[in-house]
Amino acid sequence: MRRKGWIVLLAGIAALMVPAGGLYASCGSAPIIHGLTGPTSFTNCGPNPVAFVWAHKRGVQRIIGNAGTSGDTVAGHDSGNKFGVNDGVLLAGSIPGQYFGQTDFANTEWDGCVANPELAEPTGGATSVCTGATDVPPLDFAIGGIDPAAPNVARIAALSVDFNEFFGGHVLDQAGAAAGDGDPCNGDAFQAIQRNVDCLPVPAPTINGTGACDATGCTITIGAGDVGPVVSQSILDDCLVAEDKATNCPRNLYQGRVLMFKHGACTASTAAAFDRRAWVYPASPTSGTLTVASNFFPYSVEDTNLNGVLDAGEDGTNGGAVNGTLDPFVIAGTTATTTPVKVPAVPGASDCIFFGLGILLDPGGGSVNPPTNTIFGEKVVSPAVSLNVNPVRAGSGTPVTDVVTNINVSKSQGKGTVSWSTGIETTTAGFNVIGTKKGGNELKLNASLISAKEGTTGKGASYTMTFDGAQLKGSTSIYLEIVKTDGSKERFGPASF
């Protein structure tokens, strides 16, 4: 059985070796990333997934270097702006949702060189036990895509493998491999997995209710689903066969679920257009480095204006917080749980926020010359984020919720049907349906207040009302009016017949 694994591994590596990638190669004849080979691949990852590749403990997602970078820059050891099937990090398989990881550090626009001596193991393994040369650090490869059957759900997988001295590269097939003879320089160096690595779903966060509110904001209860299968089946390392297992194992690749957020208009339909990547990488700069804007910001209790930036006066404490950083809100463990989260009331804000959930990968802390004021202290967020489509208000008028997320109207046989939904109801007494005519005149179509179904529970609801021609009186469009428990009102719409 072991010999069969060797044959498949050798054949796959020969097939997937990637030549050096051009004039701006950052690592010369670089260590290859030998992709998942033979019968093994990433599967069920959805269409158009994205990837991020980095030297273990040294990932920098939010900065990329120029195409010619060869030294140990602040972003000198990760995949830069290479993230998909169009630029060599992923190779699509023959079945939908199947991908192979590949490429190498000689490719154009790959940030830096993982073989630099400065990147040697930071915890006592600077010299290879197999060759006596500089010990190239482990490499981490994460992939994230969107479930086509559940477009709010991200599917992810992540592998971590040590540099294989025999093959001169990082062999992804060894993540999850069983030990052979216990010798990482001989038998164990040939061990490989013989199965597909599934991209498994990260459940979208839920909003389970609302607690106390005051002028500074409201507390809501966030539900984080079970990610045990992801951690045990889709986040794998090669610690059983790695050369550096004595100094860098366990890898601790899983660091918890991290709460993310994104701004947008206060309608549920807004979320449908969101790009679910955690980061969106532009073209590499021609010189120097480039700061990459976060597509989803990490939620932090210190971020009182929800801008994803550590502003003056925001650096506080968060259970062992790191000074000089926005400390991400990490939900520990893997089982389903709920946790209270304070949503600040941001003065003047007229938009809403949408909560997402990602996986925090890699313990970090191994970077040479780390960036200052980094959000994650070299930790890495899974490339794709699962999303709750319900908007949560950030404005100071209503600190958290109580918005109409969509309005639909239709006419048939002289009658008009109006339907609408709310994301969360915390201070809603009921609704009025307001009709408007071509001349601008308005009339309330409901004779009495339409009672809120949830009102103050923190949950959302859907509503449908039908009006006859006498009630409509020539109305051509509709507004929905929320009536709050304090008597105040707010309009949403219009929607036209």
Protein backbone atom coordinates (compact mmCIF):
# COMPACT_ATOMS: atom_id res chain seq x y z
CA MET A 1 0.00 0.00 0.00
CA ARG A 2 2.82 2.36 0.82
CA ARG A 3 4.58 1.65 -2.45
CA LYS A 4 1.42 2.54 -4.34
CA GLY A 5 1.38 5.90 -2.55
CA TRP A 6 5.00 6.53 -3.61
CA ILE A 7 4.23 5.79 -7.25
CA VAL A 8 1.19 8.08 -7.32
CA LEU A 9 3.08 10.86 -5.56
CA LEU A 10 6.11 10.66 -7.85
CA ALA A 11 3.97 10.58 -10.98
CA GLY A 12 1.86 13.50 -9.78
CA ILE A 13 4.86 15.62 -8.88
CA ALA A 14 6.45 15.03 -12.28
CA ALA A 15 3.20 16.10 -13.93
CA LEU A 16 2.71 19.24 -11.87
CA MET A 17 6.16 20.79 -11.74
CA VAL A 18 5.83 24.41 -12.81
CA PRO A 19 8.70 26.17 -14.56
CA ALA A 20 10.14 29.43 -13.31
CA GLY A 21 7.79 32.23 -14.23
CA GLY A 22 9.58 34.96 -16.09
CA LEU A 23 11.77 38.02 -15.85
CA TYR A 24 10.58 39.15 -12.43
CA ALA A 25 11.03 35.81 -10.70
CA SER A 26 11.38 36.49 -6.99
CA CYS A 27 13.19 33.32 -6.00
CA GLY A 28 15.19 32.19 -9.03
CA SER A 29 14.90 28.43 -9.33
CA ALA A 30 12.36 28.50 -6.55
CA PRO A 31 11.03 25.71 -4.36
CA ILE A 32 8.06 24.24 -6.14
CA ILE A 33 4.65 23.85 -4.56
CA HIS A 34 3.85 20.36 -5.71
CA GLY A 35 0.09 20.46 -6.03
CA LEU A 36 -2.42 17.89 -4.92
CA THR A 37 -1.88 15.06 -7.36
CA GLY A 38 -3.15 11.75 -8.64
CA PRO A 39 -6.53 10.87 -7.13
CA THR A 40 -6.28 13.72 -4.63
CA SER A 41 -7.68 17.24 -5.11
CA PHE A 42 -9.65 20.00 -3.44
CA THR A 43 -13.31 19.16 -4.09
CA ASN A 44 -16.73 20.76 -3.59
CA CYS A 45 -15.16 24.22 -3.51
CA GLY A 46 -17.75 25.90 -5.74
CA PRO A 47 -17.12 27.96 -8.86
CA ASN A 48 -14.25 30.47 -9.01
CA PRO A 49 -12.67 29.91 -5.57
CA VAL A 50 -9.77 32.01 -4.33
CA ALA A 51 -6.57 30.93 -2.60
CA PHE A 52 -3.92 32.39 -0.36
CA VAL A 53 -0.48 30.83 0.10
CA TRP A 54 2.06 31.86 2.72
CA ALA A 55 5.04 30.77 4.77
CA HIS A 56 3.76 29.42 8.08
CA LYS A 57 3.64 32.09 10.83
CA ARG A 58 4.58 34.77 8.30
CA GLY A 59 1.44 35.46 6.30
CA VAL A 60 0.68 39.10 5.45
CA GLN A 61 -2.64 39.37 3.65
CA ARG A 62 -3.04 43.12 3.61
CA ILE A 63 0.25 44.09 1.95
CA ILE A 64 1.73 42.87 -1.32
CA GLY A 65 5.13 43.53 -2.79
CA ASN A 66 6.11 44.37 -6.36
CA ALA A 67 6.81 41.69 -8.93
CA GLY A 68 10.58 41.99 -8.54
CA THR A 69 10.73 41.60 -4.76
CA SER A 70 13.28 38.99 -3.79
CA GLY A 71 14.29 39.96 -0.25
CA ASP A 72 12.46 39.45 3.00
CA THR A 73 10.14 42.42 2.70
CA VAL A 74 7.14 42.97 4.91
CA ALA A 75 5.14 40.95 2.38
CA GLY A 76 8.05 38.97 1.05
CA HIS A 77 6.75 35.48 1.49
CA ASP A 78 3.18 34.97 0.35
CA SER A 79 1.15 34.66 -2.83
CA GLY A 80 0.68 38.38 -3.31
CA ASN A 81 -1.99 39.12 -5.87
CA LYS A 82 -2.13 35.57 -7.21
CA PHE A 83 -5.36 34.04 -6.03
CA GLY A 84 -7.24 32.07 -8.70
CA VAL A 85 -7.27 29.79 -11.70
CA ASN A 86 -6.23 32.61 -14.02
CA ASP A 87 -2.85 33.20 -12.40
CA GLY A 88 -1.48 29.77 -11.57
CA VAL A 89 -2.33 29.30 -7.90
CA LEU A 90 -5.24 26.97 -8.70
CA LEU A 91 -5.77 24.51 -11.54
CA ALA A 92 -9.37 23.55 -12.28
CA GLY A 93 -10.15 19.84 -12.41
CA SER A 94 -12.44 17.94 -14.73
CA ILE A 95 -15.48 18.01 -12.43
CA PRO A 96 -17.29 21.09 -11.08
CA GLY A 97 -15.81 22.38 -7.83
CA GLN A 98 -12.55 20.41 -8.21
CA TYR A 99 -9.17 22.17 -8.02
CA PHE A 100 -5.49 21.41 -7.65
CA GLY A 101 -3.10 23.68 -5.77
CA GLN A 102 0.07 24.58 -7.65
CA THR A 103 2.64 27.24 -8.69
CA ASP A 104 5.97 28.20 -7.10
CA PHE A 105 8.03 31.04 -5.70
CA ALA A 106 9.68 31.69 -9.07
CA ASN A 107 6.45 32.95 -10.62
CA THR A 108 5.96 36.58 -11.52
CA GLU A 109 4.26 38.67 -8.83
CA TRP A 110 4.81 36.14 -6.09
CA ASP A 111 5.97 38.12 -3.05
CA GLY A 112 9.52 37.25 -2.11
CA CYS A 113 11.33 33.99 -1.65
CA VAL A 114 10.43 31.38 0.95
CA ALA A 115 13.98 29.97 0.76
CA ASN A 116 15.61 33.13 2.15
CA PRO A 117 17.80 32.27 5.17
CA GLU A 118 15.99 34.98 7.16
CA LEU A 119 12.84 32.86 6.94
CA ALA A 120 14.35 29.79 8.54
CA GLU A 121 12.47 28.15 11.39
CA PRO A 122 12.25 30.63 14.29
CA THR A 123 12.06 28.05 17.10
CA GLY A 124 15.26 26.05 16.98
CA GLY A 125 14.95 24.42 13.58
CA ALA A 126 17.06 26.78 11.48
CA THR A 127 19.11 23.89 10.12
CA SER A 128 17.56 20.97 8.27
CA VAL A 129 17.96 17.66 10.06
CA CYS A 130 18.04 15.96 6.66
CA THR A 131 20.63 18.05 4.81
CA GLY A 132 22.24 20.40 7.32
CA ALA A 133 21.31 23.32 5.08
CA THR A 134 18.92 26.17 5.90
CA ASP A 135 15.56 24.72 6.88
CA VAL A 136 12.92 26.20 4.60
CA PRO A 137 9.78 26.86 6.69
CA PRO A 138 6.45 25.07 6.26
CA LEU A 139 4.05 26.44 3.71
CA ASP A 140 0.29 26.98 4.18
CA PHE A 141 -2.24 26.84 1.35
CA ALA A 142 -5.85 27.94 1.92
CA ILE A 143 -8.71 27.84 -0.58
CA GLY A 144 -12.18 29.35 -0.22
CA GLY A 145 -15.24 29.30 -2.46
CA ILE A 146 -18.99 29.85 -2.29
CA ASP A 147 -21.47 27.00 -2.08
CA PRO A 148 -23.59 27.26 -5.25
CA ALA A 149 -26.57 25.72 -3.42
CA ALA A 150 -26.22 28.14 -0.48
CA PRO A 151 -24.76 31.41 -1.77
CA ASN A 152 -24.31 32.87 1.71
CA VAL A 153 -22.07 30.00 2.80
CA ALA A 154 -18.31 29.86 2.21
CA ARG A 155 -16.59 26.50 1.79
CA ILE A 156 -12.93 26.29 2.77
CA ALA A 157 -9.96 23.98 3.12
CA ALA A 158 -6.41 24.63 4.30
CA LEU A 159 -3.24 22.54 4.18
CA SER A 160 0.13 23.03 5.87
CA VAL A 161 3.22 21.11 4.73
CA ASP A 162 6.90 21.17 5.55
CA PHE A 163 9.56 21.53 2.89
CA ASN A 164 10.32 18.09 1.47
CA GLU A 165 14.08 17.74 1.12
CA PHE A 166 13.92 14.79 -1.26
CA PHE A 167 11.60 16.44 -3.79
CA GLY A 168 12.88 19.99 -3.24
CA GLY A 169 9.45 21.46 -2.67
CA HIS A 170 6.33 21.64 -0.55
CA VAL A 171 4.21 18.55 -1.25
CA LEU A 172 0.56 19.29 -0.50
CA ASP A 173 -0.31 15.59 -0.69
CA GLN A 174 1.50 15.07 2.59
CA ALA A 175 -1.01 17.08 4.63
CA GLY A 176 -2.90 14.43 6.57
CA ALA A 177 -0.56 11.62 5.57
CA ALA A 178 0.12 8.83 8.06
CA ALA A 179 3.68 8.11 9.21
CA GLY A 180 5.54 5.34 7.43
CA ASP A 181 8.83 4.41 9.07
CA GLY A 182 9.13 7.49 11.28
CA ASP A 183 12.08 8.85 9.32
CA PRO A 184 11.21 12.23 7.75
CA CYS A 185 14.32 12.05 5.54
CA ASN A 186 13.47 8.68 4.01
CA GLY A 187 10.22 6.69 4.25
CA ASP A 188 8.08 9.46 5.69
CA ALA A 189 9.22 11.82 2.94
CA PHE A 190 7.31 9.63 0.45
CA GLN A 191 4.05 9.33 2.38
CA ALA A 192 0.95 10.88 0.80
CA ILE A 193 -2.77 11.02 1.30
CA GLN A 194 -4.93 9.00 -1.06
CA ARG A 195 -8.20 10.90 -0.82
CA ASN A 196 -9.80 14.18 -1.82
CA VAL A 197 -9.74 17.14 0.55
CA ASP A 198 -13.26 18.55 0.66
CA CYS A 199 -13.91 22.24 0.96
CA LEU A 200 -16.45 22.11 3.79
CA PRO A 201 -18.99 24.81 4.72
CA VAL A 202 -18.49 27.47 7.37
CA PRO A 203 -22.01 28.19 8.68
CA ALA A 204 -23.17 31.78 8.20
CA PRO A 205 -23.50 33.67 11.49
CA THR A 206 -27.03 34.08 12.86
CA ILE A 207 -28.55 36.99 14.75
CA ASN A 208 -30.43 35.44 17.63
CA GLY A 209 -31.78 38.43 19.50
CA THR A 210 -31.13 41.86 20.90
CA GLY A 211 -30.21 42.90 24.42
CA ALA A 212 -29.74 46.27 26.05
CA CYS A 213 -29.53 49.44 23.99
CA ASP A 214 -28.36 52.90 24.96
CA ALA A 215 -26.98 55.98 23.26
CA THR A 216 -23.69 54.20 22.51
CA GLY A 217 -25.26 51.25 20.70
CA CYS A 218 -26.96 47.93 21.26
CA THR A 219 -25.95 44.44 22.20
CA ILE A 220 -27.01 41.66 19.83
CA THR A 221 -26.53 37.94 20.16
CA ILE A 222 -24.51 36.33 17.38
CA GLY A 223 -24.73 32.61 16.72
CA ALA A 224 -21.68 30.82 15.34
CA GLY A 225 -22.27 27.36 13.88
CA ASP A 226 -20.35 24.12 14.30
CA VAL A 227 -17.07 24.06 12.37
CA GLY A 228 -15.82 20.78 13.82
CA PRO A 229 -15.97 18.96 10.47
CA VAL A 230 -13.99 21.75 8.78
CA VAL A 231 -11.26 21.62 11.41
CA SER A 232 -10.96 17.84 11.51
CA GLN A 233 -11.38 17.06 7.81
CA SER A 234 -10.43 20.15 5.80
CA ILE A 235 -7.68 21.87 7.82
CA LEU A 236 -4.79 19.43 7.67
CA ASP A 237 -1.06 19.44 8.33
CA ASP A 238 1.78 16.98 7.72
CA CYS A 239 3.01 16.81 11.32
CA LEU A 240 3.13 13.00 11.30
CA VAL A 241 5.70 13.00 8.51
CA ALA A 242 7.28 16.48 8.69
CA GLU A 243 10.98 17.00 9.10
CA ASP A 244 10.40 19.82 11.59
CA LYS A 245 7.75 18.10 13.72
CA ALA A 246 9.96 18.37 16.79
CA THR A 247 10.19 22.17 16.51
CA ASN A 248 7.06 23.30 14.67
CA CYS A 249 4.30 20.85 15.48
CA PRO A 250 1.49 20.90 16.14
CA ARG A 251 0.92 23.62 13.55
CA ASN A 252 -2.20 24.99 15.28
CA LEU A 253 -3.51 26.14 11.93
CA TYR A 254 -7.04 26.62 13.30
CA GLN A 255 -7.24 29.68 15.54
CA GLY A 256 -11.01 30.06 15.89
CA ARG A 257 -13.94 31.66 14.11
CA VAL A 258 -13.46 35.35 13.44
CA LEU A 259 -16.38 37.78 13.15
CA MET A 260 -16.21 40.00 10.06
CA PHE A 261 -18.38 42.85 8.79
CA LYS A 262 -19.04 44.89 5.68
CA HIS A 263 -20.90 48.15 5.12
CA GLY A 264 -23.79 48.46 2.68
CA ALA A 265 -27.24 49.89 2.03
CA CYS A 266 -29.92 48.88 4.51
CA THR A 267 -31.67 46.32 2.31
CA ALA A 268 -31.32 42.55 2.29
CA SER A 269 -30.82 42.62 -1.48
CA THR A 270 -27.57 44.53 -0.91
CA ALA A 271 -25.85 41.42 0.38
CA ALA A 272 -26.57 39.47 -2.81
CA ALA A 273 -24.06 41.63 -4.70
CA PHE A 274 -21.25 41.32 -2.15
CA ASP A 275 -17.94 39.82 -3.14
CA ARG A 276 -17.39 37.15 -0.47
CA ARG A 277 -13.57 37.26 -0.61
CA ALA A 278 -11.94 38.40 2.64
CA TRP A 279 -9.46 40.48 0.63
CA VAL A 280 -9.45 41.65 -2.98
CA TYR A 281 -5.98 41.96 -4.48
CA PRO A 282 -5.26 44.46 -7.26
CA ALA A 283 -2.38 44.24 -9.70
CA SER A 284 1.02 44.20 -8.07
CA PRO A 285 2.73 47.60 -7.86
CA THR A 286 5.67 48.19 -10.18
CA SER A 287 7.80 49.23 -7.22
CA GLY A 288 7.62 49.21 -3.47
CA THR A 289 4.66 47.72 -1.64
CA LEU A 290 0.92 48.18 -1.79
CA THR A 291 -1.57 48.16 1.06
CA VAL A 292 -4.61 46.05 0.18
CA ALA A 293 -8.04 47.18 1.34
CA SER A 294 -10.00 44.63 3.30
CA ASN A 295 -13.15 43.46 1.55
CA PHE A 296 -14.57 42.40 4.92
CA PHE A 297 -13.27 44.13 8.04
CA PRO A 298 -12.58 42.18 11.21
CA TYR A 299 -15.09 43.16 13.86
CA SER A 300 -13.40 44.50 16.99
CA VAL A 301 -14.96 45.86 20.18
CA GLU A 302 -12.34 48.62 19.99
CA ASP A 303 -13.55 49.84 16.58
CA THR A 304 -16.12 52.34 17.85
CA ASN A 305 -16.77 53.93 14.45
CA LEU A 306 -16.77 50.66 12.47
CA ASN A 307 -14.19 51.77 9.93
CA GLY A 308 -11.77 48.86 10.31
CA VAL A 309 -8.95 51.20 11.36
CA LEU A 310 -7.35 51.71 14.76
CA ASP A 311 -8.10 55.38 15.35
CA ALA A 312 -6.86 57.57 18.19
CA GLY A 313 -8.41 56.57 21.50
CA GLU A 314 -9.63 53.15 20.30
CA ASP A 315 -6.81 50.95 21.56
CA GLY A 316 -8.36 49.25 24.58
CA THR A 317 -8.50 45.85 26.19
CA ASN A 318 -10.19 42.75 24.88
CA GLY A 319 -9.15 39.84 27.06
CA GLY A 320 -5.40 39.98 26.56
CA ALA A 321 -5.46 42.50 23.72
CA VAL A 322 -2.33 43.50 21.88
CA ASN A 323 -1.50 47.18 22.15
CA GLY A 324 -1.37 49.00 18.85
CA THR A 325 -3.80 46.69 17.10
CA LEU A 326 -7.49 46.32 16.44
CA ASP A 327 -8.00 43.01 18.16
CA PRO A 328 -10.33 40.77 16.14
CA PHE A 329 -13.35 39.26 17.86
CA VAL A 330 -12.50 35.57 17.85
CA ILE A 331 -15.02 32.89 18.81
CA ALA A 332 -13.06 30.03 20.30
CA GLY A 333 -13.81 26.33 19.98
CA THR A 334 -15.55 24.55 17.15
CA THR A 335 -19.05 23.71 18.41
CA ALA A 336 -22.16 25.84 17.84
CA THR A 337 -22.36 28.70 20.31
CA THR A 338 -23.80 32.17 20.86
CA THR A 339 -22.03 35.28 22.04
CA PRO A 340 -23.08 38.89 22.78
CA VAL A 341 -21.63 41.57 20.52
CA LYS A 342 -21.86 45.33 21.01
CA VAL A 343 -22.80 47.20 17.83
CA PRO A 344 -21.81 50.83 18.33
CA ALA A 345 -24.04 53.70 17.30
CA VAL A 346 -21.95 55.60 14.78
CA PRO A 347 -22.91 59.29 14.65
CA GLY A 348 -24.03 60.33 11.21
CA ALA A 349 -23.97 56.84 9.70
CA SER A 350 -26.82 56.21 7.28
CA ASP A 351 -25.82 52.75 6.07
CA CYS A 352 -25.92 49.33 7.71
CA ILE A 353 -23.41 46.59 8.44
CA PHE A 354 -23.61 42.93 7.51
CA PHE A 355 -21.95 40.29 9.67
CA GLY A 356 -19.83 37.51 8.24
CA LEU A 357 -17.86 34.64 9.69
CA GLY A 358 -14.42 33.47 8.63
CA ILE A 359 -11.83 31.06 9.96
CA LEU A 360 -8.69 32.45 11.58
CA LEU A 361 -5.70 30.44 10.39
CA ASP A 362 -2.11 30.20 11.64
CA PRO A 363 -0.91 31.37 15.08
CA GLY A 364 1.34 33.97 13.44
CA GLY A 365 4.15 35.71 15.26
CA GLY A 366 7.02 34.42 13.13
CA SER A 367 7.45 37.30 10.74
CA VAL A 368 10.74 39.10 10.33
CA ASN A 369 10.07 42.86 10.10
CA PRO A 370 6.29 42.62 10.69
CA PRO A 371 4.09 45.54 9.67
CA THR A 372 3.21 48.04 12.39
CA ASN A 373 -0.36 48.34 13.60
CA THR A 374 -1.32 45.10 11.88
CA ILE A 375 -4.90 44.01 12.39
CA PHE A 376 -4.14 40.35 12.86
CA GLY A 377 -0.56 40.20 14.11
CA GLU A 378 0.29 37.99 11.13
CA LYS A 379 -2.76 35.75 11.47
CA VAL A 380 -4.61 34.87 8.25
CA VAL A 381 -8.36 34.92 7.51
CA SER A 382 -9.87 32.19 5.32
CA PRO A 383 -10.07 33.47 1.73
CA ALA A 384 -13.89 33.43 1.68
CA VAL A 385 -16.42 34.56 4.29
CA SER A 386 -19.90 33.22 5.14
CA LEU A 387 -22.51 35.98 5.36
CA ASN A 388 -25.70 36.88 7.22
CA VAL A 389 -27.82 38.87 4.76
CA ASN A 390 -29.77 40.83 7.40
CA PRO A 391 -28.61 44.44 7.70
CA VAL A 392 -27.73 45.79 11.14
CA ARG A 393 -27.85 49.56 11.44
CA ALA A 394 -24.79 51.48 12.53
CA GLY A 395 -26.40 54.93 12.63
CA SER A 396 -27.05 56.83 15.84
CA GLY A 397 -30.78 57.36 15.23
CA THR A 398 -31.58 53.68 15.66
CA PRO A 399 -28.34 52.09 16.78
CA VAL A 400 -28.96 48.55 15.59
CA THR A 401 -31.93 47.56 13.53
CA ASP A 402 -35.55 48.08 12.61
CA VAL A 403 -35.36 48.57 8.88
CA VAL A 404 -37.54 47.32 6.05
CA THR A 405 -35.19 45.20 3.98
CA ASN A 406 -37.32 44.85 0.84
CA ILE A 407 -40.69 45.88 -0.58
CA ASN A 408 -42.52 44.12 -3.40
CA VAL A 409 -45.79 45.30 -4.98
CA SER A 410 -48.02 43.86 -7.69
CA LYS A 411 -51.51 44.36 -9.14
CA SER A 412 -53.95 41.73 -10.36
CA GLN A 413 -57.68 41.92 -11.11
CA GLY A 414 -57.95 45.40 -9.62
CA LYS A 415 -56.28 44.46 -6.35
CA GLY A 416 -52.84 45.43 -5.12
CA THR A 417 -50.56 43.20 -3.06
CA VAL A 418 -47.80 44.67 -0.92
CA SER A 419 -45.20 42.46 0.75
CA TRP A 420 -42.17 43.43 2.81
CA SER A 421 -39.73 42.01 5.29
CA THR A 422 -37.58 43.19 8.16
CA GLY A 423 -34.09 42.04 9.06
CA ILE A 424 -34.43 42.48 12.83
CA GLU A 425 -37.17 44.06 14.95
CA THR A 426 -36.13 45.55 18.28
CA THR A 427 -38.27 48.68 18.66
CA THR A 428 -41.03 48.18 16.07
CA ALA A 429 -44.68 48.60 17.10
CA GLY A 430 -46.10 48.19 13.61
CA PHE A 431 -46.35 49.47 10.05
CA ASN A 432 -48.34 51.79 7.84
CA VAL A 433 -48.66 51.29 4.09
CA ILE A 434 -48.63 54.66 2.32
CA GLY A 435 -49.91 54.98 -1.25
CA THR A 436 -48.90 57.86 -3.53
CA LYS A 437 -50.64 59.08 -6.68
CA LYS A 438 -49.12 60.55 -9.82
CA GLY A 439 -49.78 64.08 -8.57
CA GLY A 440 -47.92 63.40 -5.35
CA ASN A 441 -50.92 63.09 -3.05
CA GLU A 442 -50.57 60.46 -0.32
CA LEU A 443 -52.99 58.29 1.60
CA LYS A 444 -52.64 55.63 4.27
CA LEU A 445 -54.01 52.36 2.89
CA ASN A 446 -54.39 50.47 6.19
CA ALA A 447 -57.26 51.49 8.44
CA SER A 448 -55.34 50.61 11.61
CA LEU A 449 -51.71 49.99 12.51
CA ILE A 450 -50.39 46.69 11.11
CA SER A 451 -48.91 45.04 14.20
CA ALA A 452 -45.29 43.91 14.17
CA LYS A 453 -44.90 40.14 14.33
CA GLU A 454 -41.65 40.27 16.30
CA GLY A 455 -41.61 43.83 17.57
CA THR A 456 -38.88 43.71 20.23
CA THR A 457 -37.57 40.13 19.96
CA GLY A 458 -34.62 40.94 17.72
CA LYS A 459 -35.87 38.66 14.97
CA GLY A 460 -37.02 39.54 11.46
CA ALA A 461 -40.39 38.82 9.85
CA SER A 462 -42.23 38.89 6.52
CA TYR A 463 -45.57 40.58 5.82
CA THR A 464 -48.15 40.59 3.01
CA MET A 465 -51.22 42.83 2.66
CA THR A 466 -53.80 42.96 -0.14
CA PHE A 467 -55.83 46.10 -0.90
CA ASP A 468 -58.81 46.44 -3.24
CA GLY A 469 -59.27 49.17 -5.81
CA ALA A 470 -61.31 51.36 -3.46
CA GLN A 471 -58.52 51.33 -0.93
CA LEU A 472 -55.79 51.99 -3.48
CA LYS A 473 -57.62 54.98 -5.00
CA GLY A 474 -55.25 55.23 -7.92
CA SER A 475 -51.99 54.74 -6.00
CA THR A 476 -49.05 54.18 -8.32
CA SER A 477 -46.34 53.56 -5.74
CA ILE A 478 -45.98 52.46 -2.13
CA TYR A 479 -43.97 53.49 0.90
CA LEU A 480 -43.62 51.40 4.06
CA GLU A 481 -43.62 53.30 7.33
CA ILE A 482 -42.21 51.76 10.50
CA VAL A 483 -43.87 53.02 13.67
CA LYS A 484 -41.51 52.62 16.63
CA THR A 485 -42.46 51.74 20.18
CA ASP A 486 -41.65 55.33 21.19
CA GLY A 487 -44.05 56.69 18.56
CA SER A 488 -41.40 57.85 16.07
CA LYS A 489 -41.73 56.88 12.41
CA GLU A 490 -39.43 56.11 9.48
CA ARG A 491 -40.21 55.53 5.82
CA PHE A 492 -38.77 53.08 3.31
CA GLY A 493 -39.35 52.86 -0.41
CA PRO A 494 -40.93 53.65 -2.74
CA ALA A 495 -41.86 50.58 -4.77
CA SER A 496 -43.95 51.15 -7.89
CA PHE A 497 -46.80 49.07 -9.28
